[in-house]
PDB file of N, CA and C in Angstrom:
ATOM      1  N   MET A   1     178.191  82.178  57.081  1.00  0.00           N
ATOM      2  CA  MET A   1     176.966  81.437  56.964  1.00  0.00           C
ATOM      3  C   MET A   1     176.771  81.087  55.498  1.00  0.00           C
ATOM      4  N   ILE A   2     176.386  79.854  55.260  1.00  0.00           N
ATOM      5  CA  ILE A   2     176.057  79.399  53.913  1.00  0.00           C
ATOM      6  C   ILE A   2     174.577  79.046  53.901  1.00  0.00           C
ATOM      7  N   VAL A   3     173.833  79.655  52.984  1.00  0.00           N
ATOM      8  CA  VAL A   3     172.407  79.383  52.832  1.00  0.00           C
ATOM      9  C   VAL A   3     172.229  78.687  51.495  1.00  0.00           C
ATOM     10  N   MET A   4     171.667  77.491  51.538  1.00  0.00           N
ATOM     11  CA  MET A   4     171.507  76.697  50.329  1.00  0.00           C
ATOM     12  C   MET A   4     170.038  76.313  50.175  1.00  0.00           C
ATOM     13  N   ALA A   5     169.419  76.784  49.108  1.00  0.00           N
ATOM     14  CA  ALA A   5     168.024  76.439  48.845  1.00  0.00           C
ATOM     15  C   ALA A   5     167.908  74.956  48.523  1.00  0.00           C
ATOM     16  N   THR A   6     166.778  74.365  48.873  1.00  0.00           N
ATOM     17  CA  THR A   6     166.596  72.933  48.642  1.00  0.00           C
ATOM     18  C   THR A   6     166.109  72.612  47.237  1.00  0.00           C
ATOM     19  N   SER A   7     165.702  73.627  46.483  1.00  0.00           N
ATOM     20  CA  SER A   7     165.272  73.416  45.098  1.00  0.00           C
ATOM     21  C   SER A   7     165.291  74.755  44.369  1.00  0.00           C
ATOM     22  N   ARG A   8     165.171  74.710  43.043  1.00  0.00           N
ATOM     23  CA  ARG A   8     165.087  75.957  42.271  1.00  0.00           C
ATOM     24  C   ARG A   8     163.843  76.750  42.641  1.00  0.00           C
ATOM     25  N   ASP A   9     162.740  76.044  42.899  1.00  0.00           N
ATOM     26  CA  ASP A   9     161.502  76.730  43.280  1.00  0.00           C
ATOM     27  C   ASP A   9     161.662  77.476  44.603  1.00  0.00           C
ATOM     28  N   ILE A  10     162.321  76.847  45.565  1.00  0.00           N
ATOM     29  CA  ILE A  10     162.543  77.499  46.864  1.00  0.00           C
ATOM     30  C   ILE A  10     163.455  78.709  46.694  1.00  0.00           C
ATOM     31  N   TYR A  11     164.498  78.580  45.879  1.00  0.00           N
ATOM     32  CA  TYR A  11     165.389  79.715  45.629  1.00  0.00           C
ATOM     33  C   TYR A  11     164.615  80.865  44.983  1.00  0.00           C
ATOM     34  N   ALA A  12     163.793  80.551  43.983  1.00  0.00           N
ATOM     35  CA  ALA A  12     163.004  81.586  43.303  1.00  0.00           C
ATOM     36  C   ALA A  12     162.049  82.263  44.280  1.00  0.00           C
ATOM     37  N   HIS A  13     161.432  81.484  45.149  1.00  0.00           N
ATOM     38  CA  HIS A  13     160.533  82.056  46.160  1.00  0.00           C
ATOM     39  C   HIS A  13     161.307  82.985  47.103  1.00  0.00           C
ATOM     40  N   ALA A  14     162.478  82.543  47.543  1.00  0.00           N
ATOM     41  CA  ALA A  14     163.304  83.370  48.432  1.00  0.00           C
ATOM     42  C   ALA A  14     163.723  84.661  47.738  1.00  0.00           C
ATOM     43  N   GLU A  15     164.023  84.574  46.459  1.00  0.00           N
ATOM     44  CA  GLU A  15     164.393  85.763  45.684  1.00  0.00           C
ATOM     45  C   GLU A  15     163.215  86.738  45.606  1.00  0.00           C
ATOM     46  N   ARG A  16     162.041  86.229  45.258  1.00  0.00           N
ATOM     47  CA  ARG A  16     160.848  87.087  45.158  1.00  0.00           C
ATOM     48  C   ARG A  16     160.485  87.720  46.501  1.00  0.00           C
ATOM     49  N   ALA A  17     160.701  86.982  47.581  1.00  0.00           N
ATOM     50  CA  ALA A  17     160.356  87.474  48.918  1.00  0.00           C
ATOM     51  C   ALA A  17     161.415  88.418  49.486  1.00  0.00           C
ATOM     52  N   GLY A  18     162.517  88.598  48.769  1.00  0.00           N
ATOM     53  CA  GLY A  18     163.571  89.487  49.238  1.00  0.00           C
ATOM     54  C   GLY A  18     164.534  88.850  50.226  1.00  0.00           C
ATOM     55  N   LEU A  19     164.407  87.546  50.434  1.00  0.00           N
ATOM     56  CA  LEU A  19     165.249  86.877  51.427  1.00  0.00           C
ATOM     57  C   LEU A  19     166.692  86.720  50.969  1.00  0.00           C
ATOM     58  N   VAL A  20     166.905  86.525  49.675  1.00  0.00           N
ATOM     59  CA  VAL A  20     168.276  86.394  49.183  1.00  0.00           C
ATOM     60  C   VAL A  20     169.045  87.678  49.485  1.00  0.00           C
ATOM     61  N   ARG A  21     168.417  88.811  49.270  1.00  0.00           N
ATOM     62  CA  ARG A  21     169.068  90.094  49.573  1.00  0.00           C
ATOM     63  C   ARG A  21     169.350  90.223  51.073  1.00  0.00           C
ATOM     64  N   VAL A  22     168.396  89.820  51.909  1.00  0.00           N
ATOM     65  CA  VAL A  22     168.597  89.880  53.364  1.00  0.00           C
ATOM     66  C   VAL A  22     169.822  89.061  53.754  1.00  0.00           C
ATOM     67  N   PHE A  23     169.915  87.843  53.224  1.00  0.00           N
ATOM     68  CA  PHE A  23     171.047  86.981  53.566  1.00  0.00           C
ATOM     69  C   PHE A  23     172.366  87.540  53.043  1.00  0.00           C
ATOM     70  N   THR A  24     172.378  88.015  51.798  1.00  0.00           N
ATOM     71  CA  THR A  24     173.638  88.531  51.257  1.00  0.00           C
ATOM     72  C   THR A  24     174.064  89.814  51.963  1.00  0.00           C
ATOM     73  N   GLU A  25     173.119  90.640  52.359  1.00  0.00           N
ATOM     74  CA  GLU A  25     173.474  91.839  53.121  1.00  0.00           C
ATOM     75  C   GLU A  25     174.017  91.477  54.503  1.00  0.00           C
ATOM     76  N   ALA A  26     173.620  90.309  55.009  1.00  0.00           N
ATOM     77  CA  ALA A  26     174.157  89.817  56.281  1.00  0.00           C
ATOM     78  C   ALA A  26     175.479  89.076  56.072  1.00  0.00           C
ATOM     79  N   ARG A  27     176.003  89.141  54.840  1.00  0.00           N
ATOM     80  CA  ARG A  27     177.286  88.550  54.455  1.00  0.00           C
ATOM     81  C   ARG A  27     177.262  87.027  54.381  1.00  0.00           C
ATOM     82  N   ALA A  28     176.077  86.464  54.170  1.00  0.00           N
ATOM     83  CA  ALA A  28     175.970  85.020  53.965  1.00  0.00           C
ATOM     84  C   ALA A  28     176.304  84.693  52.516  1.00  0.00           C
ATOM     85  N   ILE A  29     176.703  83.479  52.293  1.00  0.00           N
ATOM     86  CA  ILE A  29     176.872  82.956  50.941  1.00  0.00           C
ATOM     87  C   ILE A  29     175.567  82.247  50.603  1.00  0.00           C
ATOM     88  N   VAL A  30     174.910  82.673  49.536  1.00  0.00           N
ATOM     89  CA  VAL A  30     173.648  82.061  49.117  1.00  0.00           C
ATOM     90  C   VAL A  30     173.921  81.294  47.834  1.00  0.00           C
ATOM     91  N   THR A  31     173.629  80.003  47.849  1.00  0.00           N
ATOM     92  CA  THR A  31     173.933  79.165  46.691  1.00  0.00           C
ATOM     93  C   THR A  31     172.672  78.529  46.125  1.00  0.00           C
ATOM     94  N   ASN A  32     172.830  77.986  44.947  1.00  0.00           N
ATOM     95  CA  ASN A  32     171.771  77.177  44.369  1.00  0.00           C
ATOM     96  C   ASN A  32     171.723  75.834  45.089  1.00  0.00           C
ATOM     97  N   SER A  33     170.712  75.057  44.797  1.00  0.00           N
ATOM     98  CA  SER A  33     170.576  73.735  45.387  1.00  0.00           C
ATOM     99  C   SER A  33     171.674  72.828  44.840  1.00  0.00           C
ATOM    100  N   THR A  34     172.475  72.281  45.733  1.00  0.00           N
ATOM    101  CA  THR A  34     173.597  71.442  45.317  1.00  0.00           C
ATOM    102  C   THR A  34     174.085  70.612  46.490  1.00  0.00           C
ATOM    103  N   CYS A  35     174.865  69.609  46.197  1.00  0.00           N
ATOM    104  CA  CYS A  35     175.587  68.921  47.264  1.00  0.00           C
ATOM    105  C   CYS A  35     176.794  69.794  47.571  1.00  0.00           C
ATOM    106  N   GLY A  36     176.724  70.490  48.650  1.00  0.00           N
ATOM    107  CA  GLY A  36     177.790  71.417  49.008  1.00  0.00           C
ATOM    108  C   GLY A  36     178.555  70.892  50.194  1.00  0.00           C
ATOM    109  N   THR A  37     178.434  71.576  51.299  1.00  0.00           N
ATOM    110  CA  THR A  37     179.149  71.160  52.498  1.00  0.00           C
ATOM    111  C   THR A  37     178.596  69.872  53.069  1.00  0.00           C
ATOM    112  N   CYS A  38     177.396  69.489  52.663  1.00  0.00           N
ATOM    113  CA  CYS A  38     176.766  68.309  53.263  1.00  0.00           C
ATOM    114  C   CYS A  38     177.607  67.055  53.102  1.00  0.00           C
ATOM    115  N   ASP A  39     178.406  66.977  52.079  1.00  0.00           N
ATOM    116  CA  ASP A  39     179.278  65.810  51.954  1.00  0.00           C
ATOM    117  C   ASP A  39     180.666  66.206  51.470  1.00  0.00           C
ATOM    118  N   ASP A  40     181.078  67.420  51.837  1.00  0.00           N
ATOM    119  CA  ASP A  40     182.453  67.855  51.591  1.00  0.00           C
ATOM    120  C   ASP A  40     182.784  67.910  50.102  1.00  0.00           C
ATOM    121  N   ARG A  41     181.850  68.380  49.260  1.00  0.00           N
ATOM    122  CA  ARG A  41     182.121  68.406  47.827  1.00  0.00           C
ATOM    123  C   ARG A  41     182.437  69.800  47.303  1.00  0.00           C
ATOM    124  N   SER A  42     181.459  70.688  47.216  1.00  0.00           N
ATOM    125  CA  SER A  42     181.694  71.914  46.460  1.00  0.00           C
ATOM    126  C   SER A  42     181.890  73.173  47.287  1.00  0.00           C
ATOM    127  N   MET A  43     181.481  73.212  48.526  1.00  0.00           N
ATOM    128  CA  MET A  43     181.569  74.448  49.307  1.00  0.00           C
ATOM    129  C   MET A  43     182.719  74.425  50.307  1.00  0.00           C
ATOM    130  N   GLY A  44     183.584  73.463  50.213  1.00  0.00           N
ATOM    131  CA  GLY A  44     184.688  73.380  51.152  1.00  0.00           C
ATOM    132  C   GLY A  44     184.363  72.448  52.297  1.00  0.00           C
ATOM    133  N   ALA A  45     185.363  72.165  53.081  1.00  0.00           N
ATOM    134  CA  ALA A  45     185.211  71.227  54.191  1.00  0.00           C
ATOM    135  C   ALA A  45     185.439  71.954  55.506  1.00  0.00           C
ATOM    136  N   LEU A  46     184.800  71.455  56.543  1.00  0.00           N
ATOM    137  CA  LEU A  46     185.017  72.010  57.873  1.00  0.00           C
ATOM    138  C   LEU A  46     186.401  71.604  58.374  1.00  0.00           C
ATOM    139  N   ALA A  47     187.079  72.542  58.992  1.00  0.00           N
ATOM    140  CA  ALA A  47     188.387  72.269  59.580  1.00  0.00           C
ATOM    141  C   ALA A  47     188.213  71.844  61.032  1.00  0.00           C
ATOM    142  N   ALA A  48     189.245  71.314  61.606  1.00  0.00           N
ATOM    143  CA  ALA A  48     189.225  70.923  63.017  1.00  0.00           C
ATOM    144  C   ALA A  48     188.819  72.121  63.869  1.00  0.00           C
ATOM    145  N   GLY A  49     187.874  71.904  64.774  1.00  0.00           N
ATOM    146  CA  GLY A  49     187.425  72.959  65.672  1.00  0.00           C
ATOM    147  C   GLY A  49     186.311  73.833  65.129  1.00  0.00           C
ATOM    148  N   GLU A  50     186.017  73.764  63.823  1.00  0.00           N
ATOM    149  CA  GLU A  50     184.915  74.556  63.279  1.00  0.00           C
ATOM    150  C   GLU A  50     183.587  73.932  63.697  1.00  0.00           C
ATOM    151  N   VAL A  51     182.561  74.781  63.775  1.00  0.00           N
ATOM    152  CA  VAL A  51     181.233  74.342  64.210  1.00  0.00           C
ATOM    153  C   VAL A  51     180.236  74.627  63.100  1.00  0.00           C
ATOM    154  N   CYS A  52     179.341  73.676  62.864  1.00  0.00           N
ATOM    155  CA  CYS A  52     178.319  73.820  61.835  1.00  0.00           C
ATOM    156  C   CYS A  52     176.965  73.430  62.414  1.00  0.00           C
ATOM    157  N   LEU A  53     175.960  74.230  62.134  1.00  0.00           N
ATOM    158  CA  LEU A  53     174.579  73.891  62.453  1.00  0.00           C
ATOM    159  C   LEU A  53     173.897  73.640  61.118  1.00  0.00           C
ATOM    160  N   ALA A  54     173.483  72.413  60.872  1.00  0.00           N
ATOM    161  CA  ALA A  54     172.959  72.025  59.563  1.00  0.00           C
ATOM    162  C   ALA A  54     171.525  71.530  59.676  1.00  0.00           C
ATOM    163  N   THR A  55     170.775  71.703  58.602  1.00  0.00           N
ATOM    164  CA  THR A  55     169.392  71.226  58.568  1.00  0.00           C
ATOM    165  C   THR A  55     169.251  69.965  57.724  1.00  0.00           C
ATOM    166  N   GLN A  56     170.351  69.324  57.420  1.00  0.00           N
ATOM    167  CA  GLN A  56     170.299  68.083  56.645  1.00  0.00           C
ATOM    168  C   GLN A  56     169.862  66.924  57.533  1.00  0.00           C
ATOM    169  N   ASN A  57     169.767  65.752  56.949  1.00  0.00           N
ATOM    170  CA  ASN A  57     169.230  64.620  57.703  1.00  0.00           C
ATOM    171  C   ASN A  57     170.266  63.570  58.090  1.00  0.00           C
ATOM    172  N   ARG A  58     171.544  63.843  57.877  1.00  0.00           N
ATOM    173  CA  ARG A  58     172.578  62.869  58.231  1.00  0.00           C
ATOM    174  C   ARG A  58     173.743  63.563  58.924  1.00  0.00           C
ATOM    175  N   ASN A  59     174.355  62.825  59.842  1.00  0.00           N
ATOM    176  CA  ASN A  59     175.523  63.353  60.526  1.00  0.00           C
ATOM    177  C   ASN A  59     176.370  62.189  61.016  1.00  0.00           C
ATOM    178  N   TYR A  60     177.613  62.190  60.661  1.00  0.00           N
ATOM    179  CA  TYR A  60     178.572  61.248  61.230  1.00  0.00           C
ATOM    180  C   TYR A  60     179.947  61.886  61.133  1.00  0.00           C
ATOM    181  N   LYS A  61     180.835  61.474  61.986  1.00  0.00           N
ATOM    182  CA  LYS A  61     182.165  62.087  62.056  1.00  0.00           C
ATOM    183  C   LYS A  61     182.844  62.066  60.697  1.00  0.00           C
ATOM    184  N   GLY A  62     183.337  63.224  60.299  1.00  0.00           N
ATOM    185  CA  GLY A  62     184.079  63.345  59.058  1.00  0.00           C
ATOM    186  C   GLY A  62     183.236  63.579  57.820  1.00  0.00           C
ATOM    187  N   ARG A  63     181.925  63.546  57.925  1.00  0.00           N
ATOM    188  CA  ARG A  63     181.076  63.695  56.735  1.00  0.00           C
ATOM    189  C   ARG A  63     181.254  65.059  56.077  1.00  0.00           C
ATOM    190  N   MET A  64     181.441  66.090  56.881  1.00  0.00           N
ATOM    191  CA  MET A  64     181.547  67.442  56.336  1.00  0.00           C
ATOM    192  C   MET A  64     182.974  67.981  56.412  1.00  0.00           C
ATOM    193  N   GLY A  65     183.925  67.111  56.632  1.00  0.00           N
ATOM    194  CA  GLY A  65     185.317  67.554  56.704  1.00  0.00           C
ATOM    195  C   GLY A  65     186.048  66.847  57.825  1.00  0.00           C
ATOM    196  N   SER A  66     186.706  67.632  58.662  1.00  0.00           N
ATOM    197  CA  SER A  66     187.542  67.086  59.726  1.00  0.00           C
ATOM    198  C   SER A  66     186.738  66.265  60.730  1.00  0.00           C
ATOM    199  N   TYR A  67     187.355  65.205  61.209  1.00  0.00           N
ATOM    200  CA  TYR A  67     186.755  64.407  62.276  1.00  0.00           C
ATOM    201  C   TYR A  67     186.671  65.207  63.570  1.00  0.00           C
ATOM    202  N   ASP A  68     187.420  66.299  63.655  1.00  0.00           N
ATOM    203  CA  ASP A  68     187.428  67.133  64.855  1.00  0.00           C
ATOM    204  C   ASP A  68     186.545  68.369  64.730  1.00  0.00           C
ATOM    205  N   ALA A  69     185.740  68.463  63.670  1.00  0.00           N
ATOM    206  CA  ALA A  69     184.753  69.545  63.547  1.00  0.00           C
ATOM    207  C   ALA A  69     183.507  69.135  64.328  1.00  0.00           C
ATOM    208  N   GLU A  70     182.735  70.130  64.749  1.00  0.00           N
ATOM    209  CA  GLU A  70     181.484  69.853  65.458  1.00  0.00           C
ATOM    210  C   GLU A  70     180.324  70.150  64.522  1.00  0.00           C
ATOM    211  N   VAL A  71     179.474  69.153  64.287  1.00  0.00           N
ATOM    212  CA  VAL A  71     178.317  69.318  63.416  1.00  0.00           C
ATOM    213  C   VAL A  71     177.070  68.991  64.219  1.00  0.00           C
ATOM    214  N   TYR A  72     176.144  69.937  64.247  1.00  0.00           N
ATOM    215  CA  TYR A  72     174.878  69.757  64.949  1.00  0.00           C
ATOM    216  C   TYR A  72     173.757  69.800  63.925  1.00  0.00           C
ATOM    217  N   LEU A  73     172.790  68.907  64.050  1.00  0.00           N
ATOM    218  CA  LEU A  73     171.630  68.901  63.163  1.00  0.00           C
ATOM    219  C   LEU A  73     170.480  69.609  63.860  1.00  0.00           C
ATOM    220  N   SER A  74     169.702  70.353  63.070  1.00  0.00           N
ATOM    221  CA  SER A  74     168.595  71.105  63.659  1.00  0.00           C
ATOM    222  C   SER A  74     167.452  71.227  62.672  1.00  0.00           C
ATOM    223  N   SER A  75     166.347  71.730  63.172  1.00  0.00           N
ATOM    224  CA  SER A  75     165.222  72.080  62.310  1.00  0.00           C
ATOM    225  C   SER A  75     165.544  73.396  61.607  1.00  0.00           C
ATOM    226  N   PRO A  76     164.863  73.701  60.506  1.00  0.00           N
ATOM    227  CA  PRO A  76     165.058  75.007  59.867  1.00  0.00           C
ATOM    228  C   PRO A  76     164.748  76.169  60.819  1.00  0.00           C
ATOM    229  N   GLU A  77     163.759  75.996  61.682  1.00  0.00           N
ATOM    230  CA  GLU A  77     163.411  77.057  62.630  1.00  0.00           C
ATOM    231  C   GLU A  77     164.559  77.323  63.606  1.00  0.00           C
ATOM    232  N   THR A  78     165.167  76.253  64.105  1.00  0.00           N
ATOM    233  CA  THR A  78     166.307  76.419  65.012  1.00  0.00           C
ATOM    234  C   THR A  78     167.478  77.064  64.290  1.00  0.00           C
ATOM    235  N   ALA A  79     167.720  76.672  63.044  1.00  0.00           N
ATOM    236  CA  ALA A  79     168.810  77.272  62.269  1.00  0.00           C
ATOM    237  C   ALA A  79     168.565  78.763  62.053  1.00  0.00           C
ATOM    238  N   ALA A  80     167.328  79.137  61.720  1.00  0.00           N
ATOM    239  CA  ALA A  80     167.013  80.554  61.502  1.00  0.00           C
ATOM    240  C   ALA A  80     167.193  81.357  62.783  1.00  0.00           C
ATOM    241  N   ALA A  81     166.662  80.856  63.884  1.00  0.00           N
ATOM    242  CA  ALA A  81     166.799  81.559  65.164  1.00  0.00           C
ATOM    243  C   ALA A  81     168.263  81.676  65.563  1.00  0.00           C
ATOM    244  N   SER A  82     169.018  80.629  65.348  1.00  0.00           N
ATOM    245  CA  SER A  82     170.436  80.629  65.711  1.00  0.00           C
ATOM    246  C   SER A  82     171.225  81.613  64.856  1.00  0.00           C
ATOM    247  N   ALA A  83     170.863  81.734  63.582  1.00  0.00           N
ATOM    248  CA  ALA A  83     171.528  82.711  62.710  1.00  0.00           C
ATOM    249  C   ALA A  83     171.253  84.131  63.190  1.00  0.00           C
ATOM    250  N   ILE A  84     170.047  84.376  63.667  1.00  0.00           N
ATOM    251  CA  ILE A  84     169.689  85.709  64.166  1.00  0.00           C
ATOM    252  C   ILE A  84     170.459  86.033  65.445  1.00  0.00           C
ATOM    253  N   ILE A  85     170.508  85.077  66.362  1.00  0.00           N
ATOM    254  CA  ILE A  85     171.107  85.299  67.681  1.00  0.00           C
ATOM    255  C   ILE A  85     172.631  85.169  67.664  1.00  0.00           C
ATOM    256  N   GLY A  86     173.150  84.263  66.840  1.00  0.00           N
ATOM    257  CA  GLY A  86     174.603  84.087  66.763  1.00  0.00           C
ATOM    258  C   GLY A  86     175.127  82.871  67.489  1.00  0.00           C
ATOM    259  N   HIS A  87     174.254  82.091  68.077  1.00  0.00           N
ATOM    260  CA  HIS A  87     174.631  80.812  68.681  1.00  0.00           C
ATOM    261  C   HIS A  87     173.395  79.913  68.667  1.00  0.00           C
ATOM    262  N   ILE A  88     173.582  78.624  68.906  1.00  0.00           N
ATOM    263  CA  ILE A  88     172.459  77.689  68.835  1.00  0.00           C
ATOM    264  C   ILE A  88     171.408  78.097  69.863  1.00  0.00           C
ATOM    265  N   THR A  89     170.194  78.308  69.364  1.00  0.00           N
ATOM    266  CA  THR A  89     169.122  78.919  70.147  1.00  0.00           C
ATOM    267  C   THR A  89     167.809  78.191  69.922  1.00  0.00           C
ATOM    268  N   ASP A  90     166.982  78.160  70.929  1.00  0.00           N
ATOM    269  CA  ASP A  90     165.623  77.640  70.815  1.00  0.00           C
ATOM    270  C   ASP A  90     164.791  78.652  70.026  1.00  0.00           C
ATOM    271  N   PRO A  91     164.162  78.236  68.917  1.00  0.00           N
ATOM    272  CA  PRO A  91     163.403  79.203  68.114  1.00  0.00           C
ATOM    273  C   PRO A  91     162.252  79.857  68.878  1.00  0.00           C
ATOM    274  N   TRP A  92     161.735  79.195  69.888  1.00  0.00           N
ATOM    275  CA  TRP A  92     160.654  79.791  70.675  1.00  0.00           C
ATOM    276  C   TRP A  92     161.128  81.031  71.422  1.00  0.00           C
ATOM    277  N   GLU A  93     162.424  81.093  71.711  1.00  0.00           N
ATOM    278  CA  GLU A  93     162.964  82.240  72.442  1.00  0.00           C
ATOM    279  C   GLU A  93     163.011  83.512  71.608  1.00  0.00           C
ATOM    280  N   VAL A  94     162.997  83.365  70.275  1.00  0.00           N
ATOM    281  CA  VAL A  94     163.048  84.549  69.410  1.00  0.00           C
ATOM    282  C   VAL A  94     161.808  84.681  68.534  1.00  0.00           C
ATOM    283  N   GLY A  95     160.839  83.813  68.735  1.00  0.00           N
ATOM    284  CA  GLY A  95     159.582  83.922  68.003  1.00  0.00           C
ATOM    285  C   GLY A  95     159.640  83.469  66.562  1.00  0.00           C
ATOM    286  N   VAL A  96     160.560  82.558  66.246  1.00  0.00           N
ATOM    287  CA  VAL A  96     160.645  82.037  64.874  1.00  0.00           C
ATOM    288  C   VAL A  96     159.702  80.866  64.731  1.00  0.00           C
TER     289      VAL A  96
END
C-alpha cells in the first residue's frame, strides 16, 4: 500500500494524529505529496495483472503503467475501508 498525502499540511496533520505511524506499522509506504504512481513517475509503475485502488481523478489504460493493470478510482472513504478489509469494499459496511 502506498499512502500519499495531498499536501504538506495534510501530511503534518496525519503525523500529529499518529496516522503516519499507523500506516507504517501496517507496512505501507507513506510519501510526501508528489506525482508518484498517478502518472508512472516516481513510485514505480503497475505491472500486468496488478490491481490499484486510487483516489485520484483520472484513469485511462496505461496511465499508471501496464495496459494490462487494473486501476479502479474511488472515494477516500472507499479506499480507507478497502485497506482495512483487504479488498474493494463499501465504506458503509465497515463504518468509515
